[in-house]
mmCIF file of all heavy atoms, coordinates in Angstrom:
data_MODEL
# 
_entry.id   MODEL 
# 
loop_
_atom_site.group_PDB 
_atom_site.id 
_atom_site.type_symbol 
_atom_site.label_atom_id 
_atom_site.label_alt_id 
_atom_site.label_comp_id 
_atom_site.label_asym_id 
_atom_site.label_entity_id 
_atom_site.label_seq_id 
_atom_site.pdbx_PDB_ins_code 
_atom_site.Cartn_x 
_atom_site.Cartn_y 
_atom_site.Cartn_z 
_atom_site.occupancy 
_atom_site.B_iso_or_equiv 
_atom_site.pdbx_formal_charge 
_atom_site.auth_seq_id 
_atom_site.auth_comp_id 
_atom_site.auth_asym_id 
_atom_site.auth_atom_id 
_atom_site.pdbx_PDB_model_num 
ATOM 1   N N   . ILE A 1 1  ? -14.857 13.898 14.623 1.00 0.00 ? 1  ILE A N   1 
ATOM 2   C CA  . ILE A 1 1  ? -14.452 12.757 13.799 1.00 0.00 ? 1  ILE A CA  1 
ATOM 3   C C   . ILE A 1 1  ? -15.667 11.966 13.338 1.00 0.00 ? 1  ILE A C   1 
ATOM 4   O O   . ILE A 1 1  ? -15.788 11.606 12.164 1.00 0.00 ? 1  ILE A O   1 
ATOM 5   C CB  . ILE A 1 1  ? -13.474 11.841 14.571 1.00 0.00 ? 1  ILE A CB  1 
ATOM 6   C CG1 . ILE A 1 1  ? -12.088 12.484 14.638 1.00 0.00 ? 1  ILE A CG1 1 
ATOM 7   C CG2 . ILE A 1 1  ? -13.367 10.462 13.901 1.00 0.00 ? 1  ILE A CG2 1 
ATOM 8   C CD1 . ILE A 1 1  ? -11.110 11.732 15.511 1.00 0.00 ? 1  ILE A CD1 1 
ATOM 9   N N   . VAL A 1 2  ? -16.595 11.700 14.270 1.00 0.00 ? 2  VAL A N   1 
ATOM 10  C CA  . VAL A 1 2  ? -17.779 10.921 13.872 1.00 0.00 ? 2  VAL A CA  1 
ATOM 11  C C   . VAL A 1 2  ? -18.770 11.788 13.092 1.00 0.00 ? 2  VAL A C   1 
ATOM 12  O O   . VAL A 1 2  ? -19.416 11.307 12.150 1.00 0.00 ? 2  VAL A O   1 
ATOM 13  C CB  . VAL A 1 2  ? -18.465 10.262 15.086 1.00 0.00 ? 2  VAL A CB  1 
ATOM 14  C CG1 . VAL A 1 2  ? -17.577 9.182  15.676 1.00 0.00 ? 2  VAL A CG1 1 
ATOM 15  C CG2 . VAL A 1 2  ? -18.866 11.269 16.145 1.00 0.00 ? 2  VAL A CG2 1 
ATOM 16  N N   . LEU A 1 3  ? -18.886 13.047 13.456 1.00 0.00 ? 3  LEU A N   1 
ATOM 17  C CA  . LEU A 1 3  ? -19.810 13.926 12.736 1.00 0.00 ? 3  LEU A CA  1 
ATOM 18  C C   . LEU A 1 3  ? -19.416 14.072 11.266 1.00 0.00 ? 3  LEU A C   1 
ATOM 19  O O   . LEU A 1 3  ? -20.276 14.143 10.380 1.00 0.00 ? 3  LEU A O   1 
ATOM 20  C CB  . LEU A 1 3  ? -19.852 15.299 13.397 1.00 0.00 ? 3  LEU A CB  1 
ATOM 21  C CG  . LEU A 1 3  ? -20.517 15.371 14.780 1.00 0.00 ? 3  LEU A CG  1 
ATOM 22  C CD1 . LEU A 1 3  ? -20.315 16.750 15.393 1.00 0.00 ? 3  LEU A CD1 1 
ATOM 23  C CD2 . LEU A 1 3  ? -21.999 15.043 14.685 1.00 0.00 ? 3  LEU A CD2 1 
ATOM 24  N N   . ARG A 1 4  ? -18.106 14.105 10.999 1.00 0.00 ? 4  ARG A N   1 
ATOM 25  C CA  . ARG A 1 4  ? -17.625 14.283 9.632  1.00 0.00 ? 4  ARG A CA  1 
ATOM 26  C C   . ARG A 1 4  ? -17.596 12.983 8.828  1.00 0.00 ? 4  ARG A C   1 
ATOM 27  O O   . ARG A 1 4  ? -17.340 13.005 7.627  1.00 0.00 ? 4  ARG A O   1 
ATOM 28  C CB  . ARG A 1 4  ? -16.223 14.896 9.666  1.00 0.00 ? 4  ARG A CB  1 
ATOM 29  C CG  . ARG A 1 4  ? -16.214 16.343 10.150 1.00 0.00 ? 4  ARG A CG  1 
ATOM 30  C CD  . ARG A 1 4  ? -14.803 16.801 10.465 1.00 0.00 ? 4  ARG A CD  1 
ATOM 31  N NE  . ARG A 1 4  ? -14.784 18.204 10.906 1.00 0.00 ? 4  ARG A NE  1 
ATOM 32  C CZ  . ARG A 1 4  ? -13.756 18.790 11.504 1.00 0.00 ? 4  ARG A CZ  1 
ATOM 33  N NH1 . ARG A 1 4  ? -12.645 18.093 11.739 1.00 0.00 ? 4  ARG A NH1 1 
ATOM 34  N NH2 . ARG A 1 4  ? -13.816 20.047 11.871 1.00 0.00 ? 4  ARG A NH2 1 
ATOM 35  N N   . ASN A 1 5  ? -17.839 11.871 9.503  1.00 0.00 ? 5  ASN A N   1 
ATOM 36  C CA  . ASN A 1 5  ? -17.786 10.575 8.818  1.00 0.00 ? 5  ASN A CA  1 
ATOM 37  C C   . ASN A 1 5  ? -19.128 9.855  8.848  1.00 0.00 ? 5  ASN A C   1 
ATOM 38  O O   . ASN A 1 5  ? -19.186 8.627  8.849  1.00 0.00 ? 5  ASN A O   1 
ATOM 39  C CB  . ASN A 1 5  ? -16.714 9.689  9.461  1.00 0.00 ? 5  ASN A CB  1 
ATOM 40  C CG  . ASN A 1 5  ? -15.309 10.085 9.052  1.00 0.00 ? 5  ASN A CG  1 
ATOM 41  O OD1 . ASN A 1 5  ? -14.841 9.741  7.969  1.00 0.00 ? 5  ASN A OD1 1 
ATOM 42  N ND2 . ASN A 1 5  ? -14.639 10.830 9.918  1.00 0.00 ? 5  ASN A ND2 1 
ATOM 43  N N   . ARG A 1 6  ? -20.202 10.634 8.826  1.00 0.00 ? 6  ARG A N   1 
ATOM 44  C CA  . ARG A 1 6  ? -21.535 10.043 8.925  1.00 0.00 ? 6  ARG A CA  1 
ATOM 45  C C   . ARG A 1 6  ? -21.785 8.990  7.849  1.00 0.00 ? 6  ARG A C   1 
ATOM 46  O O   . ARG A 1 6  ? -22.270 7.899  8.150  1.00 0.00 ? 6  ARG A O   1 
ATOM 47  C CB  . ARG A 1 6  ? -22.606 11.139 8.817  1.00 0.00 ? 6  ARG A CB  1 
ATOM 48  C CG  . ARG A 1 6  ? -24.022 10.576 8.802  1.00 0.00 ? 6  ARG A CG  1 
ATOM 49  C CD  . ARG A 1 6  ? -25.059 11.650 8.914  1.00 0.00 ? 6  ARG A CD  1 
ATOM 50  N NE  . ARG A 1 6  ? -24.915 12.666 7.881  1.00 0.00 ? 6  ARG A NE  1 
ATOM 51  C CZ  . ARG A 1 6  ? -25.683 13.751 7.799  1.00 0.00 ? 6  ARG A CZ  1 
ATOM 52  N NH1 . ARG A 1 6  ? -26.633 13.955 8.705  1.00 0.00 ? 6  ARG A NH1 1 
ATOM 53  N NH2 . ARG A 1 6  ? -25.505 14.631 6.839  1.00 0.00 ? 6  ARG A NH2 1 
ATOM 54  N N   . ASP A 1 7  ? -21.459 9.281  6.623  1.00 0.00 ? 7  ASP A N   1 
ATOM 55  C CA  . ASP A 1 7  ? -21.743 8.325  5.550  1.00 0.00 ? 7  ASP A CA  1 
ATOM 56  C C   . ASP A 1 7  ? -20.986 7.015  5.734  1.00 0.00 ? 7  ASP A C   1 
ATOM 57  O O   . ASP A 1 7  ? -21.520 5.935  5.473  1.00 0.00 ? 7  ASP A O   1 
ATOM 58  C CB  . ASP A 1 7  ? -21.393 8.941  4.192  1.00 0.00 ? 7  ASP A CB  1 
ATOM 59  C CG  . ASP A 1 7  ? -22.345 10.077 3.810  1.00 0.00 ? 7  ASP A CG  1 
ATOM 60  O OD1 . ASP A 1 7  ? -23.448 10.138 4.396  1.00 0.00 ? 7  ASP A OD1 1 
ATOM 61  O OD2 . ASP A 1 7  ? -21.978 10.905 2.962  1.00 0.00 ? 7  ASP A OD2 1 
ATOM 62  N N   . ARG A 1 8  ? -19.726 7.096  6.171  1.00 0.00 ? 8  ARG A N   1 
ATOM 63  C CA  . ARG A 1 8  ? -18.954 5.880  6.419  1.00 0.00 ? 8  ARG A CA  1 
ATOM 64  C C   . ARG A 1 8  ? -19.529 5.086  7.584  1.00 0.00 ? 8  ARG A C   1 
ATOM 65  O O   . ARG A 1 8  ? -19.486 3.857  7.589  1.00 0.00 ? 8  ARG A O   1 
ATOM 66  C CB  . ARG A 1 8  ? -17.489 6.227  6.700  1.00 0.00 ? 8  ARG A CB  1 
ATOM 67  C CG  . ARG A 1 8  ? -16.717 6.743  5.489  1.00 0.00 ? 8  ARG A CG  1 
ATOM 68  C CD  . ARG A 1 8  ? -15.250 6.939  5.837  1.00 0.00 ? 8  ARG A CD  1 
ATOM 69  N NE  . ARG A 1 8  ? -14.462 7.319  4.670  1.00 0.00 ? 8  ARG A NE  1 
ATOM 70  C CZ  . ARG A 1 8  ? -14.272 8.564  4.281  1.00 0.00 ? 8  ARG A CZ  1 
ATOM 71  N NH1 . ARG A 1 8  ? -14.819 9.559  4.970  1.00 0.00 ? 8  ARG A NH1 1 
ATOM 72  N NH2 . ARG A 1 8  ? -13.555 8.834  3.212  1.00 0.00 ? 8  ARG A NH2 1 
ATOM 73  N N   . LEU A 1 9  ? -20.086 5.785  8.559  1.00 0.00 ? 9  LEU A N   1 
ATOM 74  C CA  . LEU A 1 9  ? -20.619 5.118  9.743  1.00 0.00 ? 9  LEU A CA  1 
ATOM 75  C C   . LEU A 1 9  ? -21.994 4.502  9.510  1.00 0.00 ? 9  LEU A C   1 
ATOM 76  O O   . LEU A 1 9  ? -22.473 3.723  10.330 1.00 0.00 ? 9  LEU A O   1 
ATOM 77  C CB  . LEU A 1 9  ? -20.691 6.112  10.909 1.00 0.00 ? 9  LEU A CB  1 
ATOM 78  C CG  . LEU A 1 9  ? -19.333 6.608  11.427 1.00 0.00 ? 9  LEU A CG  1 
ATOM 79  C CD1 . LEU A 1 9  ? -19.537 7.731  12.441 1.00 0.00 ? 9  LEU A CD1 1 
ATOM 80  C CD2 . LEU A 1 9  ? -18.549 5.464  12.059 1.00 0.00 ? 9  LEU A CD2 1 
ATOM 81  N N   . LYS A 1 10 ? -22.619 4.827  8.406  1.00 0.00 ? 10 LYS A N   1 
ATOM 82  C CA  . LYS A 1 10 ? -23.923 4.229  8.089  1.00 0.00 ? 10 LYS A CA  1 
ATOM 83  C C   . LYS A 1 10 ? -23.796 2.752  7.766  1.00 0.00 ? 10 LYS A C   1 
ATOM 84  O O   . LYS A 1 10 ? -24.774 2.001  7.845  1.00 0.00 ? 10 LYS A O   1 
ATOM 85  C CB  . LYS A 1 10 ? -24.569 4.974  6.913  1.00 0.00 ? 10 LYS A CB  1 
ATOM 86  C CG  . LYS A 1 10 ? -25.129 6.342  7.277  1.00 0.00 ? 10 LYS A CG  1 
ATOM 87  C CD  . LYS A 1 10 ? -25.779 7.010  6.085  1.00 0.00 ? 10 LYS A CD  1 
ATOM 88  C CE  . LYS A 1 10 ? -26.380 8.356  6.463  1.00 0.00 ? 10 LYS A CE  1 
ATOM 89  N NZ  . LYS A 1 10 ? -27.007 9.042  5.305  1.00 0.00 ? 10 LYS A NZ  1 
ATOM 90  N N   . VAL A 1 11 ? -22.611 2.344  7.390  1.00 0.00 ? 11 VAL A N   1 
ATOM 91  C CA  . VAL A 1 11 ? -22.352 0.939  7.063  1.00 0.00 ? 11 VAL A CA  1 
ATOM 92  C C   . VAL A 1 11 ? -21.614 0.295  8.230  1.00 0.00 ? 11 VAL A C   1 
ATOM 93  O O   . VAL A 1 11 ? -20.639 0.845  8.737  1.00 0.00 ? 11 VAL A O   1 
ATOM 94  C CB  . VAL A 1 11 ? -21.499 0.818  5.780  1.00 0.00 ? 11 VAL A CB  1 
ATOM 95  C CG1 . VAL A 1 11 ? -21.222 -0.651 5.453  1.00 0.00 ? 11 VAL A CG1 1 
ATOM 96  C CG2 . VAL A 1 11 ? -22.195 1.511  4.621  1.00 0.00 ? 11 VAL A CG2 1 
ATOM 97  N N   . HIS A 1 12 ? -22.083 -0.873 8.650  1.00 0.00 ? 12 HIS A N   1 
ATOM 98  C CA  . HIS A 1 12 ? -21.416 -1.579 9.757  1.00 0.00 ? 12 HIS A CA  1 
ATOM 99  C C   . HIS A 1 12 ? -20.203 -2.301 9.180  1.00 0.00 ? 12 HIS A C   1 
ATOM 100 O O   . HIS A 1 12 ? -20.307 -3.389 8.631  1.00 0.00 ? 12 HIS A O   1 
ATOM 101 C CB  . HIS A 1 12 ? -22.375 -2.574 10.404 1.00 0.00 ? 12 HIS A CB  1 
ATOM 102 C CG  . HIS A 1 12 ? -21.886 -3.095 11.721 1.00 0.00 ? 12 HIS A CG  1 
ATOM 103 N ND1 . HIS A 1 12 ? -21.622 -2.277 12.798 1.00 0.00 ? 12 HIS A ND1 1 
ATOM 104 C CD2 . HIS A 1 12 ? -21.591 -4.364 12.134 1.00 0.00 ? 12 HIS A CD2 1 
ATOM 105 C CE1 . HIS A 1 12 ? -21.205 -3.005 13.816 1.00 0.00 ? 12 HIS A CE1 1 
ATOM 106 N NE2 . HIS A 1 12 ? -21.165 -4.274 13.443 1.00 0.00 ? 12 HIS A NE2 1 
ATOM 107 N N   . SER A 1 13 ? -19.063 -1.661 9.299  1.00 0.00 ? 13 SER A N   1 
ATOM 108 C CA  . SER A 1 13 ? -17.852 -2.187 8.668  1.00 0.00 ? 13 SER A CA  1 
ATOM 109 C C   . SER A 1 13 ? -16.645 -2.010 9.574  1.00 0.00 ? 13 SER A C   1 
ATOM 110 O O   . SER A 1 13 ? -16.687 -1.286 10.570 1.00 0.00 ? 13 SER A O   1 
ATOM 111 C CB  . SER A 1 13 ? -17.594 -1.440 7.351  1.00 0.00 ? 13 SER A CB  1 
ATOM 112 O OG  . SER A 1 13 ? -17.323 -0.062 7.629  1.00 0.00 ? 13 SER A OG  1 
ATOM 113 N N   . GLU A 1 14 ? -15.550 -2.659 9.209  1.00 0.00 ? 14 GLU A N   1 
ATOM 114 C CA  . GLU A 1 14 ? -14.308 -2.519 9.962  1.00 0.00 ? 14 GLU A CA  1 
ATOM 115 C C   . GLU A 1 14 ? -13.841 -1.070 9.934  1.00 0.00 ? 14 GLU A C   1 
ATOM 116 O O   . GLU A 1 14 ? -13.304 -0.558 10.921 1.00 0.00 ? 14 GLU A O   1 
ATOM 117 C CB  . GLU A 1 14 ? -13.238 -3.448 9.382  1.00 0.00 ? 14 GLU A CB  1 
ATOM 118 C CG  . GLU A 1 14 ? -12.003 -3.641 10.259 1.00 0.00 ? 14 GLU A CG  1 
ATOM 119 C CD  . GLU A 1 14 ? -10.960 -2.547 10.080 1.00 0.00 ? 14 GLU A CD  1 
ATOM 120 O OE1 . GLU A 1 14 ? -10.923 -1.955 8.975  1.00 0.00 ? 14 GLU A OE1 1 
ATOM 121 O OE2 . GLU A 1 14 ? -10.189 -2.284 11.032 1.00 0.00 ? 14 GLU A OE2 1 
ATOM 122 N N   . GLU A 1 15 ? -14.066 -0.386 8.813  1.00 0.00 ? 15 GLU A N   1 
ATOM 123 C CA  . GLU A 1 15 ? -13.679 1.018  8.698  1.00 0.00 ? 15 GLU A CA  1 
ATOM 124 C C   . GLU A 1 15 ? -14.437 1.867  9.713  1.00 0.00 ? 15 GLU A C   1 
ATOM 125 O O   . GLU A 1 15 ? -13.861 2.738  10.370 1.00 0.00 ? 15 GLU A O   1 
ATOM 126 C CB  . GLU A 1 15 ? -13.958 1.541  7.288  1.00 0.00 ? 15 GLU A CB  1 
ATOM 127 C CG  . GLU A 1 15 ? -13.564 3.000  7.097  1.00 0.00 ? 15 GLU A CG  1 
ATOM 128 C CD  . GLU A 1 15 ? -14.022 3.573  5.765  1.00 0.00 ? 15 GLU A CD  1 
ATOM 129 O OE1 . GLU A 1 15 ? -15.037 3.092  5.224  1.00 0.00 ? 15 GLU A OE1 1 
ATOM 130 O OE2 . GLU A 1 15 ? -13.364 4.516  5.280  1.00 0.00 ? 15 GLU A OE2 1 
ATOM 131 N N   . GLY A 1 16 ? -15.741 1.604  9.864  1.00 0.00 ? 16 GLY A N   1 
ATOM 132 C CA  . GLY A 1 16 ? -16.547 2.346  10.821 1.00 0.00 ? 16 GLY A CA  1 
ATOM 133 C C   . GLY A 1 16 ? -16.081 2.109  12.243 1.00 0.00 ? 16 GLY A C   1 
ATOM 134 O O   . GLY A 1 16 ? -16.004 3.039  13.061 1.00 0.00 ? 16 GLY A O   1 
ATOM 135 N N   . VAL A 1 17 ? -15.787 0.851  12.556 1.00 0.00 ? 17 VAL A N   1 
ATOM 136 C CA  . VAL A 1 17 ? -15.279 0.517  13.886 1.00 0.00 ? 17 VAL A CA  1 
ATOM 137 C C   . VAL A 1 17 ? -13.983 1.263  14.157 1.00 0.00 ? 17 VAL A C   1 
ATOM 138 O O   . VAL A 1 17 ? -13.765 1.829  15.235 1.00 0.00 ? 17 VAL A O   1 
ATOM 139 C CB  . VAL A 1 17 ? -15.057 -1.008 14.023 1.00 0.00 ? 17 VAL A CB  1 
ATOM 140 C CG1 . VAL A 1 17 ? -14.270 -1.325 15.293 1.00 0.00 ? 17 VAL A CG1 1 
ATOM 141 C CG2 . VAL A 1 17 ? -16.382 -1.744 14.029 1.00 0.00 ? 17 VAL A CG2 1 
ATOM 142 N N   . ARG A 1 18 ? -13.114 1.297  13.159 1.00 0.00 ? 18 ARG A N   1 
ATOM 143 C CA  . ARG A 1 18 ? -11.813 1.963  13.302 1.00 0.00 ? 18 ARG A CA  1 
ATOM 144 C C   . ARG A 1 18 ? -12.003 3.466  13.594 1.00 0.00 ? 18 ARG A C   1 
ATOM 145 O O   . ARG A 1 18 ? -11.307 4.032  14.428 1.00 0.00 ? 18 ARG A O   1 
ATOM 146 C CB  . ARG A 1 18 ? -11.008 1.774  12.020 1.00 0.00 ? 18 ARG A CB  1 
ATOM 147 C CG  . ARG A 1 18 ? -9.573  2.256  12.080 1.00 0.00 ? 18 ARG A CG  1 
ATOM 148 C CD  . ARG A 1 18 ? -8.898  2.023  10.734 1.00 0.00 ? 18 ARG A CD  1 
ATOM 149 N NE  . ARG A 1 18 ? -8.680  0.612  10.470 1.00 0.00 ? 18 ARG A NE  1 
ATOM 150 C CZ  . ARG A 1 18 ? -7.511  -0.001 10.660 1.00 0.00 ? 18 ARG A CZ  1 
ATOM 151 N NH1 . ARG A 1 18 ? -6.479  0.680  11.109 1.00 0.00 ? 18 ARG A NH1 1 
ATOM 152 N NH2 . ARG A 1 18 ? -7.375  -1.279 10.400 1.00 0.00 ? 18 ARG A NH2 1 
ATOM 153 N N   . ILE A 1 19 ? -12.960 4.092  12.920 1.00 0.00 ? 19 ILE A N   1 
ATOM 154 C CA  . ILE A 1 19 ? -13.231 5.519  13.121 1.00 0.00 ? 19 ILE A CA  1 
ATOM 155 C C   . ILE A 1 19 ? -13.671 5.779  14.561 1.00 0.00 ? 19 ILE A C   1 
ATOM 156 O O   . ILE A 1 19 ? -13.172 6.687  15.230 1.00 0.00 ? 19 ILE A O   1 
ATOM 157 C CB  . ILE A 1 19 ? -14.317 6.008  12.132 1.00 0.00 ? 19 ILE A CB  1 
ATOM 158 C CG1 . ILE A 1 19 ? -13.756 6.039  10.706 1.00 0.00 ? 19 ILE A CG1 1 
ATOM 159 C CG2 . ILE A 1 19 ? -14.839 7.388  12.541 1.00 0.00 ? 19 ILE A CG2 1 
ATOM 160 C CD1 . ILE A 1 19 ? -14.816 6.238  9.638  1.00 0.00 ? 19 ILE A CD1 1 
ATOM 161 N N   . VAL A 1 20 ? -14.600 4.958  15.047 1.00 0.00 ? 20 VAL A N   1 
ATOM 162 C CA  . VAL A 1 20 ? -15.127 5.144  16.401 1.00 0.00 ? 20 VAL A CA  1 
ATOM 163 C C   . VAL A 1 20 ? -14.051 4.866  17.446 1.00 0.00 ? 20 VAL A C   1 
ATOM 164 O O   . VAL A 1 20 ? -13.900 5.619  18.418 1.00 0.00 ? 20 VAL A O   1 
ATOM 165 C CB  . VAL A 1 20 ? -16.362 4.249  16.631 1.00 0.00 ? 20 VAL A CB  1 
ATOM 166 C CG1 . VAL A 1 20 ? -16.825 4.340  18.083 1.00 0.00 ? 20 VAL A CG1 1 
ATOM 167 C CG2 . VAL A 1 20 ? -17.498 4.662  15.697 1.00 0.00 ? 20 VAL A CG2 1 
ATOM 168 N N   . VAL A 1 21 ? -13.291 3.796  17.255 1.00 0.00 ? 21 VAL A N   1 
ATOM 169 C CA  . VAL A 1 21 ? -12.238 3.454  18.217 1.00 0.00 ? 21 VAL A CA  1 
ATOM 170 C C   . VAL A 1 21 ? -11.198 4.564  18.304 1.00 0.00 ? 21 VAL A C   1 
ATOM 171 O O   . VAL A 1 21 ? -10.778 4.963  19.393 1.00 0.00 ? 21 VAL A O   1 
ATOM 172 C CB  . VAL A 1 21 ? -11.570 2.106  17.854 1.00 0.00 ? 21 VAL A CB  1 
ATOM 173 C CG1 . VAL A 1 21 ? -10.301 1.889  18.674 1.00 0.00 ? 21 VAL A CG1 1 
ATOM 174 C CG2 . VAL A 1 21 ? -12.539 0.956  18.079 1.00 0.00 ? 21 VAL A CG2 1 
ATOM 175 N N   . LYS A 1 22 ? -10.788 5.086  17.157 1.00 0.00 ? 22 LYS A N   1 
ATOM 176 C CA  . LYS A 1 22 ? -9.816  6.192  17.150 1.00 0.00 ? 22 LYS A CA  1 
ATOM 177 C C   . LYS A 1 22 ? -10.323 7.375  17.967 1.00 0.00 ? 22 LYS A C   1 
ATOM 178 O O   . LYS A 1 22 ? -9.595  7.978  18.758 1.00 0.00 ? 22 LYS A O   1 
ATOM 179 C CB  . LYS A 1 22 ? -9.555  6.658  15.713 1.00 0.00 ? 22 LYS A CB  1 
ATOM 180 C CG  . LYS A 1 22 ? -8.492  5.890  14.965 1.00 0.00 ? 22 LYS A CG  1 
ATOM 181 C CD  . LYS A 1 22 ? -8.247  6.556  13.608 1.00 0.00 ? 22 LYS A CD  1 
ATOM 182 C CE  . LYS A 1 22 ? -7.171  5.839  12.821 1.00 0.00 ? 22 LYS A CE  1 
ATOM 183 N NZ  . LYS A 1 22 ? -6.929  6.490  11.510 1.00 0.00 ? 22 LYS A NZ  1 
ATOM 184 N N   . ALA A 1 23 ? -11.593 7.708  17.763 1.00 0.00 ? 23 ALA A N   1 
ATOM 185 C CA  . ALA A 1 23 ? -12.174 8.852  18.466 1.00 0.00 ? 23 ALA A CA  1 
ATOM 186 C C   . ALA A 1 23 ? -12.255 8.596  19.972 1.00 0.00 ? 23 ALA A C   1 
ATOM 187 O O   . ALA A 1 23 ? -11.963 9.486  20.775 1.00 0.00 ? 23 ALA A O   1 
ATOM 188 C CB  . ALA A 1 23 ? -13.563 9.151  17.905 1.00 0.00 ? 23 ALA A CB  1 
ATOM 189 N N   . LEU A 1 24 ? -12.622 7.379  20.359 1.00 0.00 ? 24 LEU A N   1 
ATOM 190 C CA  . LEU A 1 24 ? -12.707 7.041  21.778 1.00 0.00 ? 24 LEU A CA  1 
ATOM 191 C C   . LEU A 1 24 ? -11.334 7.071  22.438 1.00 0.00 ? 24 LEU A C   1 
ATOM 192 O O   . LEU A 1 24 ? -11.196 7.484  23.597 1.00 0.00 ? 24 LEU A O   1 
ATOM 193 C CB  . LEU A 1 24 ? -13.349 5.663  21.957 1.00 0.00 ? 24 LEU A CB  1 
ATOM 194 C CG  . LEU A 1 24 ? -14.839 5.559  21.584 1.00 0.00 ? 24 LEU A CG  1 
ATOM 195 C CD1 . LEU A 1 24 ? -15.308 4.112  21.646 1.00 0.00 ? 24 LEU A CD1 1 
ATOM 196 C CD2 . LEU A 1 24 ? -15.700 6.422  22.509 1.00 0.00 ? 24 LEU A CD2 1 
ATOM 197 N N   . LEU A 1 25 ? -10.315 6.651  21.713 1.00 0.00 ? 25 LEU A N   1 
ATOM 198 C CA  . LEU A 1 25 ? -8.958  6.699  22.238 1.00 0.00 ? 25 LEU A CA  1 
ATOM 199 C C   . LEU A 1 25 ? -8.533  8.147  22.495 1.00 0.00 ? 25 LEU A C   1 
ATOM 200 O O   . LEU A 1 25 ? -7.871  8.449  23.495 1.00 0.00 ? 25 LEU A O   1 
ATOM 201 C CB  . LEU A 1 25 ? -7.981  6.036  21.268 1.00 0.00 ? 25 LEU A CB  1 
ATOM 202 C CG  . LEU A 1 25 ? -8.136  4.522  21.059 1.00 0.00 ? 25 LEU A CG  1 
ATOM 203 C CD1 . LEU A 1 25 ? -7.155  4.025  20.011 1.00 0.00 ? 25 LEU A CD1 1 
ATOM 204 C CD2 . LEU A 1 25 ? -7.945  3.768  22.359 1.00 0.00 ? 25 LEU A CD2 1 
ATOM 205 N N   . GLY A 1 26 ? -8.932  9.039  21.605 1.00 0.00 ? 26 GLY A N   1 
ATOM 206 C CA  . GLY A 1 26 ? -8.629  10.456 21.786 1.00 0.00 ? 26 GLY A CA  1 
ATOM 207 C C   . GLY A 1 26 ? -9.246  11.006 23.057 1.00 0.00 ? 26 GLY A C   1 
ATOM 208 O O   . GLY A 1 26 ? -8.639  11.836 23.752 1.00 0.00 ? 26 GLY A O   1 
ATOM 209 N N   . CYS A 1 27 ? -10.440 10.518 23.392 1.00 0.00 ? 27 CYS A N   1 
ATOM 210 C CA  . CYS A 1 27 ? -11.102 10.957 24.622 1.00 0.00 ? 27 CYS A CA  1 
ATOM 211 C C   . CYS A 1 27 ? -10.309 10.532 25.849 1.00 0.00 ? 27 CYS A C   1 
ATOM 212 O O   . CYS A 1 27 ? -10.183 11.290 26.821 1.00 0.00 ? 27 CYS A O   1 
ATOM 213 C CB  . CYS A 1 27 ? -12.514 10.367 24.701 1.00 0.00 ? 27 CYS A CB  1 
ATOM 214 S SG  . CYS A 1 27 ? -13.636 10.988 23.441 1.00 0.00 ? 27 CYS A SG  1 
# 
């Protein structure tokens, strides 16, 4: 999830936080 969203994660945004949180929840 994070590897495929590198460009979105380059910006410190609510969208980036949401991506990381979703992935951590999956773990």
